[in-house]
Amino acid sequence: MILLSRYFLFISLLFSASLFAQAQPSPHQLLTQVGDQLFSEIGKINSQGTASKGDMAKVVDKFLMPNIDVKFVSYKLLGKHIKGIEREQATAFISAVEHYLTTTYASALMKYTGQEIKFEESSDTTAGDFATVKTQIIDKNAPTIDLHFKLRQGKDGSWKVYDIVAEGISLLSAKQKEVIQRISDVGLDQVTAELNSK
């Protein structure tokens, strides 16, 4: 009887874990949650307009980076150079890309002064493991900026951002061309060092 009880308990735990895994937020829900947390925290640390880039990088690292698909971005940036690289080189490059993205986003968010961020729920389009969420940055004193967040679904069912298309320009594609050419010119190790120095 005890063995049977343990068996049912084990099955119940597996079922609960399965339900938890399936209860992942949609791409729109994810961006709304992350956006609310991120901009609320930015408002706290930058209420006097004196937040440093280091302060902003900590916020980005805590609230934004866990939702960025750094590994996928890194593989896309490597392009044709992914063939034949050693594990240590790949690990170092992924770490450098994470550092680069953190500092890049921190710099961009230093310019945030309370503009309205609108994630358009009806525009949440999903095709297989990929999705796009249209977003607008609305500023009363400037033209509205259109952004498309590109997301990819992992094996655990969670969604992560891998690209931002600003006014029709893919940030990933633009950086990919630059990085691939730079690796061809100076080598992967040098590019890794350069990304770490940003």
Protein backbone atom coordinates (compact mmCIF):
# COMPACT_ATOMS: atom_id res chain seq x y z
CA MET A 1 0.00 0.00 0.00
CA ILE A 2 2.87 2.39 0.87
CA LEU A 3 4.52 1.57 -2.45
CA LEU A 4 1.26 2.33 -4.27
CA SER A 5 0.89 5.66 -2.45
CA ARG A 6 4.43 6.63 -3.40
CA TYR A 7 3.70 5.67 -7.00
CA PHE A 8 0.63 7.95 -7.10
CA LEU A 9 2.60 10.75 -5.42
CA PHE A 10 5.32 10.41 -8.05
CA ILE A 11 2.73 10.51 -10.87
CA SER A 12 1.10 13.58 -9.27
CA LEU A 13 4.44 15.38 -9.10
CA LEU A 14 5.14 14.60 -12.74
CA PHE A 15 1.69 15.84 -13.73
CA SER A 16 2.14 19.03 -11.70
CA ALA A 17 5.53 19.63 -13.31
CA SER A 18 3.97 19.08 -16.73
CA LEU A 19 1.24 21.63 -16.01
CA PHE A 20 3.83 24.10 -14.75
CA ALA A 21 5.91 23.68 -17.90
CA GLN A 22 2.86 24.30 -20.07
CA ALA A 23 1.84 27.41 -18.13
CA GLN A 24 4.44 29.62 -19.78
CA PRO A 25 3.41 33.20 -20.64
CA SER A 26 2.67 34.07 -24.26
CA PRO A 27 5.16 36.32 -26.09
CA HIS A 28 2.91 39.35 -25.44
CA GLN A 29 2.46 38.47 -21.75
CA LEU A 30 6.20 37.97 -21.34
CA LEU A 31 7.11 41.34 -22.87
CA THR A 32 4.43 43.12 -20.84
CA GLN A 33 5.66 41.57 -17.58
CA VAL A 34 9.32 42.23 -18.33
CA GLY A 35 8.57 45.75 -19.56
CA ASP A 36 6.57 46.64 -16.44
CA GLN A 37 9.34 45.39 -14.13
CA LEU A 38 12.14 46.93 -16.17
CA PHE A 39 10.69 50.42 -16.56
CA SER A 40 9.41 50.49 -12.98
CA GLU A 41 12.95 49.77 -11.75
CA ILE A 42 14.44 52.33 -14.14
CA GLY A 43 11.99 54.90 -12.76
CA LYS A 44 13.20 54.16 -9.22
CA ILE A 45 16.92 54.44 -9.91
CA ASN A 46 16.69 57.30 -12.37
CA SER A 47 14.07 59.46 -10.66
CA GLN A 48 16.62 62.25 -10.30
CA GLY A 49 18.22 61.63 -13.70
CA THR A 50 21.50 60.67 -12.06
CA ALA A 51 21.65 56.92 -12.66
CA SER A 52 25.01 55.73 -13.97
CA LYS A 53 25.57 53.31 -16.83
CA GLY A 54 26.67 50.77 -14.21
CA ASP A 55 23.37 51.18 -12.33
CA MET A 56 21.47 50.69 -15.57
CA ALA A 57 23.55 47.63 -16.49
CA LYS A 58 22.57 45.99 -13.17
CA VAL A 59 18.88 46.56 -13.94
CA VAL A 60 19.29 45.17 -17.46
CA ASP A 61 21.20 42.15 -16.14
CA LYS A 62 18.50 41.39 -13.56
CA PHE A 63 15.28 42.04 -15.46
CA LEU A 64 16.02 41.91 -19.18
CA MET A 65 18.92 39.53 -19.89
CA PRO A 66 17.23 36.39 -18.47
CA ASN A 67 14.66 36.89 -21.26
CA ILE A 68 17.19 37.28 -24.08
CA ASP A 69 18.20 34.17 -26.04
CA VAL A 70 21.92 34.95 -25.83
CA LYS A 71 23.05 31.56 -27.12
CA PHE A 72 20.85 31.77 -30.24
CA VAL A 73 21.97 35.36 -30.88
CA SER A 74 25.60 34.26 -30.53
CA TYR A 75 25.19 31.44 -33.04
CA LYS A 76 23.52 33.81 -35.51
CA LEU A 77 26.34 36.33 -35.08
CA LEU A 78 28.94 33.66 -35.79
CA GLY A 79 27.28 32.75 -39.09
CA LYS A 80 29.63 30.71 -41.29
CA HIS A 81 32.35 30.92 -38.63
CA ILE A 82 30.47 28.53 -36.34
CA LYS A 83 32.05 25.57 -38.14
CA GLY A 84 35.16 24.20 -36.51
CA ILE A 85 35.32 26.46 -33.45
CA GLU A 86 36.36 24.91 -30.16
CA ARG A 87 34.05 24.65 -27.15
CA GLU A 88 36.16 27.10 -25.14
CA GLN A 89 35.99 29.65 -27.95
CA ALA A 90 32.22 29.24 -28.22
CA THR A 91 31.75 29.66 -24.46
CA ALA A 92 33.95 32.77 -24.41
CA PHE A 93 32.14 34.26 -27.41
CA ILE A 94 28.67 33.68 -25.87
CA SER A 95 29.85 35.35 -22.65
CA ALA A 96 31.20 38.29 -24.64
CA VAL A 97 27.93 38.65 -26.56
CA GLU A 98 26.02 38.69 -23.27
CA HIS A 99 28.30 41.46 -21.98
CA TYR A 100 27.93 43.41 -25.22
CA LEU A 101 24.12 43.16 -25.18
CA THR A 102 23.94 44.18 -21.51
CA THR A 103 26.01 47.32 -22.05
CA THR A 104 24.23 48.15 -25.32
CA TYR A 105 20.76 47.91 -23.74
CA ALA A 106 21.95 49.83 -20.66
CA SER A 107 23.18 52.69 -22.86
CA ALA A 108 19.90 52.77 -24.79
CA LEU A 109 17.82 52.78 -21.59
CA MET A 110 19.76 55.74 -20.22
CA LYS A 111 17.71 57.75 -22.74
CA TYR A 112 14.40 56.56 -21.29
CA THR A 113 12.58 59.52 -19.73
CA GLY A 114 9.10 58.14 -19.20
CA GLN A 115 7.93 57.57 -22.77
CA GLU A 116 4.89 55.32 -23.11
CA ILE A 117 5.70 51.75 -24.19
CA LYS A 118 2.77 50.01 -25.86
CA PHE A 119 2.86 46.28 -26.63
CA GLU A 120 0.13 45.61 -29.20
CA GLU A 121 -1.67 42.46 -28.08
CA SER A 122 -3.55 41.93 -31.34
CA SER A 123 -0.26 41.95 -33.26
CA ASP A 124 1.17 38.93 -31.42
CA THR A 125 1.86 36.63 -34.38
CA THR A 126 3.25 33.15 -33.84
CA ALA A 127 4.62 30.76 -36.44
CA GLY A 128 5.87 27.52 -34.91
CA ASP A 129 8.71 28.25 -32.51
CA PHE A 130 8.97 31.91 -33.53
CA ALA A 131 6.82 34.93 -32.72
CA THR A 132 6.71 38.68 -33.28
CA VAL A 133 5.22 41.30 -30.96
CA LYS A 134 4.72 44.78 -32.38
CA THR A 135 5.56 47.58 -30.00
CA GLN A 136 5.38 51.36 -30.05
CA ILE A 137 7.38 53.93 -28.12
CA ILE A 138 5.11 56.94 -27.84
CA ASP A 139 6.60 60.35 -27.05
CA LYS A 140 4.44 63.49 -27.09
CA ASN A 141 7.40 65.53 -28.33
CA ALA A 142 8.68 63.15 -31.02
CA PRO A 143 7.41 60.80 -33.73
CA THR A 144 6.21 57.37 -32.56
CA ILE A 145 8.85 54.66 -32.97
CA ASP A 146 7.75 51.23 -34.20
CA LEU A 147 9.59 48.19 -32.84
CA HIS A 148 9.06 44.50 -33.56
CA PHE A 149 10.32 42.11 -30.90
CA LYS A 150 11.29 38.74 -32.38
CA LEU A 151 11.04 35.79 -29.99
CA ARG A 152 11.95 32.13 -30.09
CA GLN A 153 10.43 29.33 -28.02
CA GLY A 154 12.80 26.99 -26.20
CA LYS A 155 12.34 23.28 -25.55
CA ASP A 156 10.95 24.10 -22.09
CA GLY A 157 8.15 26.14 -23.69
CA SER A 158 9.50 29.53 -22.58
CA TRP A 159 9.84 32.44 -24.99
CA LYS A 160 12.97 34.59 -25.28
CA VAL A 161 13.81 37.62 -27.39
CA TYR A 162 16.48 37.18 -30.05
CA ASP A 163 16.06 40.29 -32.21
CA ILE A 164 14.55 43.77 -32.24
CA VAL A 165 13.51 45.33 -35.55
CA ALA A 166 13.50 49.12 -35.22
CA GLU A 167 11.72 51.01 -38.00
CA GLY A 168 12.22 48.04 -40.33
CA ILE A 169 15.90 47.49 -39.49
CA SER A 170 16.90 44.23 -37.79
CA LEU A 171 19.50 44.92 -35.10
CA LEU A 172 20.62 41.29 -35.23
CA SER A 173 21.09 41.26 -39.01
CA ALA A 174 23.00 44.54 -38.95
CA LYS A 175 25.33 43.34 -36.19
CA GLN A 176 25.68 39.90 -37.80
CA LYS A 177 27.15 41.37 -41.01
CA GLU A 178 29.59 43.46 -38.99
CA VAL A 179 30.72 40.59 -36.73
CA ILE A 180 31.07 38.02 -39.54
CA GLN A 181 33.24 40.41 -41.55
CA ARG A 182 35.27 41.34 -38.48
CA ILE A 183 35.94 37.67 -37.66
CA SER A 184 37.11 37.15 -41.24
CA ASP A 185 39.48 40.10 -40.86
CA VAL A 186 40.98 39.61 -37.39
CA GLY A 187 39.80 36.23 -36.07
CA LEU A 188 37.28 35.05 -33.49
CA ASP A 189 39.44 35.57 -30.41
CA GLN A 190 40.06 39.22 -31.29
CA VAL A 191 36.35 39.85 -31.90
CA THR A 192 35.52 38.19 -28.58
CA ALA A 193 37.96 40.54 -26.84
CA GLU A 194 36.45 43.54 -28.65
CA LEU A 195 32.90 42.63 -27.57
CA ASN A 196 34.10 42.29 -23.98
CA SER A 197 35.65 45.76 -24.10
CA LYS A 198 32.43 47.54 -25.09
